[in-house]
């Protein structure tokens, strides 16, 4: 078994028995896609909601293009989009001041873009742990599709 680390603006795919992890999700979102029958999945760590206006940059940096790229890479391994389920985590409000400034609500916008893109692709969201004011570290287990979420001050949970 290997633990495969996914960095910021990065995506990776793994098969059973490996684990995918990404550290320090603040306003960023970790989107996992998993095929239970094949015990294969992927994780993308996105920083911003939309690729529009940033064409030519790393697609994994953006919720809309990152999710599509992850679906495409899974398809190259024989995973059908209709067999995928998604889980998402992150999207916290990390600036500690007034939450009235829409510019600072990047986590909320990242979560909304992720949900919209998944719905557009017809991929059901099985679990969602977004928002709040705390960072998260997540691990996706390829044997079960369980997503472990570690949150400072809030402990560990599986979704």
C-alpha atoms as a PDB file:
ATOM      1  CA  UNK A   1       0.000   0.000   0.000  1.00  0.00           C
ATOM      2  CA  UNK A   2       1.210   3.493  -0.872  1.00  0.00           C
ATOM      3  CA  UNK A   3       0.019   6.859   0.344  1.00  0.00           C
ATOM      4  CA  UNK A   4      -0.013   9.180  -2.661  1.00  0.00           C
ATOM      5  CA  UNK A   5       0.163  12.885  -1.856  1.00  0.00           C
ATOM      6  CA  UNK A   6      -1.769  15.322  -4.028  1.00  0.00           C
ATOM      7  CA  UNK A   7      -0.383  18.857  -3.862  1.00  0.00           C
ATOM      8  CA  UNK A   8      -2.165  22.162  -4.399  1.00  0.00           C
ATOM      9  CA  UNK A   9      -3.445  22.557  -7.954  1.00  0.00           C
ATOM     10  CA  UNK A  10      -2.673  18.878  -8.530  1.00  0.00           C
ATOM     11  CA  UNK A  11      -4.574  15.679  -9.237  1.00  0.00           C
ATOM     12  CA  UNK A  12      -3.732  12.013  -8.958  1.00  0.00           C
ATOM     13  CA  UNK A  13      -5.383   8.628  -9.475  1.00  0.00           C
ATOM     14  CA  UNK A  14      -4.938   5.484  -7.387  1.00  0.00           C
ATOM     15  CA  UNK A  15      -6.106   1.883  -7.254  1.00  0.00           C
ATOM     16  CA  UNK A  16      -6.690  -0.521  -4.365  1.00  0.00           C
ATOM     17  CA  UNK A  17      -4.863  -0.791  -1.928  1.00  0.00           C
ATOM     18  CA  UNK A  18      -3.447   2.739  -2.170  1.00  0.00           C
ATOM     19  CA  UNK A  19      -4.609   5.911  -0.415  1.00  0.00           C
ATOM     20  CA  UNK A  20      -4.797   9.415  -1.865  1.00  0.00           C
ATOM     21  CA  UNK A  21      -4.253  12.354   0.483  1.00  0.00           C
ATOM     22  CA  UNK A  22      -4.065  16.115   0.342  1.00  0.00           C
ATOM     23  CA  UNK A  23      -2.970  18.328   3.195  1.00  0.00           C
ATOM     24  CA  UNK A  24      -4.094  21.684   4.446  1.00  0.00           C
ATOM     25  CA  UNK A  25      -7.356  22.345   2.628  1.00  0.00           C
ATOM     26  CA  UNK A  26      -8.376  25.829   3.700  1.00  0.00           C
ATOM     27  CA  UNK A  27     -10.419  27.696   1.114  1.00  0.00           C
ATOM     28  CA  UNK A  28      -9.293  25.062  -1.408  1.00  0.00           C
ATOM     29  CA  UNK A  29     -11.521  22.081  -2.184  1.00  0.00           C
ATOM     30  CA  UNK A  30     -10.548  18.437  -2.385  1.00  0.00           C
ATOM     31  CA  UNK A  31     -12.829  16.627  -4.827  1.00  0.00           C
ATOM     32  CA  UNK A  32     -12.704  12.849  -4.847  1.00  0.00           C
ATOM     33  CA  UNK A  33     -14.187  10.604  -7.518  1.00  0.00           C
ATOM     34  CA  UNK A  34     -14.505   6.887  -6.826  1.00  0.00           C
ATOM     35  CA  UNK A  35     -15.610   3.764  -8.696  1.00  0.00           C
ATOM     36  CA  UNK A  36     -16.526   1.095  -6.136  1.00  0.00           C
ATOM     37  CA  UNK A  37     -16.607  -1.830  -8.588  1.00  0.00           C
ATOM     38  CA  UNK A  38     -13.090  -1.135  -9.867  1.00  0.00           C
ATOM     39  CA  UNK A  39     -11.729   0.174  -6.523  1.00  0.00           C
ATOM     40  CA  UNK A  40     -10.155   3.097  -8.326  1.00  0.00           C
ATOM     41  CA  UNK A  41     -10.462   6.785  -7.662  1.00  0.00           C
ATOM     42  CA  UNK A  42      -8.954  10.187  -8.013  1.00  0.00           C
ATOM     43  CA  UNK A  43      -8.445  13.361  -6.073  1.00  0.00           C
ATOM     44  CA  UNK A  44      -8.038  16.927  -7.303  1.00  0.00           C
ATOM     45  CA  UNK A  45      -6.999  19.805  -4.987  1.00  0.00           C
ATOM     46  CA  UNK A  46      -8.478  22.966  -6.511  1.00  0.00           C
ATOM     47  CA  UNK A  47      -7.684  26.543  -5.519  1.00  0.00           C
ATOM     48  CA  UNK A  48     -10.108  28.632  -7.591  1.00  0.00           C
ATOM     49  CA  UNK A  49     -13.633  28.162  -8.953  1.00  0.00           C
ATOM     50  CA  UNK A  50     -13.317  28.649 -12.701  1.00  0.00           C
ATOM     51  CA  UNK A  51     -10.820  28.257 -15.503  1.00  0.00           C
ATOM     52  CA  UNK A  52     -12.569  30.983 -17.524  1.00  0.00           C
ATOM     53  CA  UNK A  53     -10.159  33.851 -18.006  1.00  0.00           C
ATOM     54  CA  UNK A  54      -7.173  31.705 -17.033  1.00  0.00           C
ATOM     55  CA  UNK A  55      -6.938  29.533 -20.141  1.00  0.00           C
ATOM     56  CA  UNK A  56      -3.489  28.058 -20.626  1.00  0.00           C
ATOM     57  CA  UNK A  57      -2.883  27.616 -16.906  1.00  0.00           C
ATOM     58  CA  UNK A  58      -2.818  24.366 -14.952  1.00  0.00           C
ATOM     59  CA  UNK A  59      -6.342  22.911 -15.242  1.00  0.00           C
ATOM     60  CA  UNK A  60      -6.074  21.207 -11.821  1.00  0.00           C
ATOM     61  CA  UNK A  61      -5.988  24.641 -10.176  1.00  0.00           C
ATOM     62  CA  UNK A  62      -9.673  25.278 -10.989  1.00  0.00           C
ATOM     63  CA  UNK A  63     -12.819  23.448  -9.860  1.00  0.00           C
ATOM     64  CA  UNK A  64     -14.515  23.278 -13.254  1.00  0.00           C
ATOM     65  CA  UNK A  65     -11.522  22.238 -15.367  1.00  0.00           C
ATOM     66  CA  UNK A  66      -9.896  20.142 -12.634  1.00  0.00           C
ATOM     67  CA  UNK A  67     -12.931  17.922 -12.185  1.00  0.00           C
ATOM     68  CA  UNK A  68     -13.251  17.458 -15.953  1.00  0.00           C
ATOM     69  CA  UNK A  69      -9.551  16.570 -16.238  1.00  0.00           C
ATOM     70  CA  UNK A  70      -9.892  14.039 -13.401  1.00  0.00           C
ATOM     71  CA  UNK A  71     -12.911  12.432 -15.115  1.00  0.00           C
ATOM     72  CA  UNK A  72     -10.952  12.265 -18.379  1.00  0.00           C
ATOM     73  CA  UNK A  73      -7.923  10.644 -16.741  1.00  0.00           C
ATOM     74  CA  UNK A  74     -10.147   8.061 -15.032  1.00  0.00           C
ATOM     75  CA  UNK A  75     -11.841   7.372 -18.387  1.00  0.00           C
ATOM     76  CA  UNK A  76      -8.409   6.561 -19.884  1.00  0.00           C
ATOM     77  CA  UNK A  77      -8.208   3.781 -17.276  1.00  0.00           C
ATOM     78  CA  UNK A  78     -11.606   2.374 -18.274  1.00  0.00           C
ATOM     79  CA  UNK A  79     -13.685   4.070 -15.574  1.00  0.00           C
ATOM     80  CA  UNK A  80     -17.104   5.156 -16.792  1.00  0.00           C
ATOM     81  CA  UNK A  81     -18.419   8.504 -15.564  1.00  0.00           C
ATOM     82  CA  UNK A  82     -21.749   6.846 -14.679  1.00  0.00           C
ATOM     83  CA  UNK A  83     -20.004   4.586 -12.151  1.00  0.00           C
ATOM     84  CA  UNK A  84     -18.421   7.487 -10.250  1.00  0.00           C
ATOM     85  CA  UNK A  85     -19.504   9.036  -6.973  1.00  0.00           C
ATOM     86  CA  UNK A  86     -18.023  12.234  -5.572  1.00  0.00           C
ATOM     87  CA  UNK A  87     -17.129  13.430  -2.112  1.00  0.00           C
ATOM     88  CA  UNK A  88     -15.920  16.958  -1.450  1.00  0.00           C
ATOM     89  CA  UNK A  89     -14.245  18.682   1.479  1.00  0.00           C
ATOM     90  CA  UNK A  90     -12.680  22.056   2.231  1.00  0.00           C
ATOM     91  CA  UNK A  91     -13.945  25.437   1.140  1.00  0.00           C
ATOM     92  CA  UNK A  92     -13.453  27.078   4.514  1.00  0.00           C
ATOM     93  CA  UNK A  93     -13.576  30.799   5.179  1.00  0.00           C
ATOM     94  CA  UNK A  94      -9.980  31.380   6.281  1.00  0.00           C
ATOM     95  CA  UNK A  95      -9.650  35.148   6.616  1.00  0.00           C
ATOM     96  CA  UNK A  96     -11.024  35.647  10.140  1.00  0.00           C
ATOM     97  CA  UNK A  97     -12.551  39.069   9.490  1.00  0.00           C
ATOM     98  CA  UNK A  98     -15.941  40.109   8.199  1.00  0.00           C
ATOM     99  CA  UNK A  99     -17.518  37.490   5.972  1.00  0.00           C
ATOM    100  CA  UNK A 100     -19.441  40.179   4.091  1.00  0.00           C
ATOM    101  CA  UNK A 101     -16.753  40.659   1.443  1.00  0.00           C
ATOM    102  CA  UNK A 102     -17.570  38.406  -1.533  1.00  0.00           C
ATOM    103  CA  UNK A 103     -13.962  38.554  -2.779  1.00  0.00           C
ATOM    104  CA  UNK A 104     -12.841  36.811   0.413  1.00  0.00           C
ATOM    105  CA  UNK A 105     -15.500  34.075   0.106  1.00  0.00           C
ATOM    106  CA  UNK A 106     -13.266  32.003  -2.175  1.00  0.00           C
ATOM    107  CA  UNK A 107     -14.001  28.788  -0.250  1.00  0.00           C
ATOM    108  CA  UNK A 108     -17.744  29.220  -0.704  1.00  0.00           C
ATOM    109  CA  UNK A 109     -17.255  29.982  -4.400  1.00  0.00           C
ATOM    110  CA  UNK A 110     -14.952  26.947  -4.812  1.00  0.00           C
ATOM    111  CA  UNK A 111     -17.577  24.686  -3.215  1.00  0.00           C
ATOM    112  CA  UNK A 112     -20.370  26.094  -5.389  1.00  0.00           C
ATOM    113  CA  UNK A 113     -18.315  25.653  -8.583  1.00  0.00           C
ATOM    114  CA  UNK A 114     -17.429  22.076  -7.603  1.00  0.00           C
ATOM    115  CA  UNK A 115     -21.052  21.167  -6.929  1.00  0.00           C
ATOM    116  CA  UNK A 116     -22.228  22.812 -10.168  1.00  0.00           C
ATOM    117  CA  UNK A 117     -19.593  21.005 -12.252  1.00  0.00           C
ATOM    118  CA  UNK A 118     -20.363  17.609 -10.694  1.00  0.00           C
ATOM    119  CA  UNK A 119     -24.103  18.098 -11.265  1.00  0.00           C
ATOM    120  CA  UNK A 120     -23.458  19.151 -14.872  1.00  0.00           C
ATOM    121  CA  UNK A 121     -21.459  15.936 -15.403  1.00  0.00           C
ATOM    122  CA  UNK A 122     -24.171  13.823 -13.740  1.00  0.00           C
ATOM    123  CA  UNK A 123     -21.855  12.620 -10.963  1.00  0.00           C
ATOM    124  CA  UNK A 124     -23.714  12.256  -7.654  1.00  0.00           C
ATOM    125  CA  UNK A 125     -22.221  13.867  -4.573  1.00  0.00           C
ATOM    126  CA  UNK A 126     -22.289  11.175  -1.906  1.00  0.00           C
ATOM    127  CA  UNK A 127     -20.882  13.375   0.873  1.00  0.00           C
ATOM    128  CA  UNK A 128     -19.979  17.016   1.399  1.00  0.00           C
ATOM    129  CA  UNK A 129     -17.931  18.507   4.252  1.00  0.00           C
ATOM    130  CA  UNK A 130     -17.383  22.111   3.195  1.00  0.00           C
ATOM    131  CA  UNK A 131     -17.490  25.531   4.783  1.00  0.00           C
ATOM    132  CA  UNK A 132     -16.702  26.595   8.303  1.00  0.00           C
ATOM    133  CA  UNK A 133     -13.533  28.356   9.376  1.00  0.00           C
ATOM    134  CA  UNK A 134     -11.167  25.417   9.817  1.00  0.00           C
ATOM    135  CA  UNK A 135      -8.675  23.668   7.567  1.00  0.00           C
ATOM    136  CA  UNK A 136      -8.851  19.992   6.708  1.00  0.00           C
ATOM    137  CA  UNK A 137      -6.595  17.150   5.611  1.00  0.00           C
ATOM    138  CA  UNK A 138      -8.281  14.322   3.713  1.00  0.00           C
ATOM    139  CA  UNK A 139      -7.497  10.727   2.756  1.00  0.00           C
ATOM    140  CA  UNK A 140      -9.405   8.649   0.185  1.00  0.00           C
ATOM    141  CA  UNK A 141      -9.208   4.883   0.689  1.00  0.00           C
ATOM    142  CA  UNK A 142      -9.351   2.879  -2.532  1.00  0.00           C
ATOM    143  CA  UNK A 143     -10.630  -0.308  -0.884  1.00  0.00           C
ATOM    144  CA  UNK A 144     -13.860   1.270   0.405  1.00  0.00           C
ATOM    145  CA  UNK A 145     -14.125   4.788  -1.027  1.00  0.00           C
ATOM    146  CA  UNK A 146     -14.201   6.151   2.526  1.00  0.00           C
ATOM    147  CA  UNK A 147     -12.994   9.715   2.898  1.00  0.00           C
ATOM    148  CA  UNK A 148     -11.198  10.414   6.154  1.00  0.00           C
ATOM    149  CA  UNK A 149     -11.258  14.057   7.222  1.00  0.00           C
ATOM    150  CA  UNK A 150      -8.856  15.345   9.858  1.00  0.00           C
ATOM    151  CA  UNK A 151      -9.692  18.785  11.226  1.00  0.00           C
ATOM    152  CA  UNK A 152      -7.633  20.650  13.817  1.00  0.00           C
ATOM    153  CA  UNK A 153      -9.785  21.102  16.895  1.00  0.00           C
ATOM    154  CA  UNK A 154     -12.592  18.932  15.488  1.00  0.00           C
ATOM    155  CA  UNK A 155     -10.954  15.505  15.360  1.00  0.00           C
ATOM    156  CA  UNK A 156     -11.328  12.850  12.690  1.00  0.00           C
ATOM    157  CA  UNK A 157     -14.410  11.643  10.847  1.00  0.00           C
ATOM    158  CA  UNK A 158     -15.203   9.438   7.866  1.00  0.00           C
ATOM    159  CA  UNK A 159     -17.719  10.361   5.214  1.00  0.00           C
END
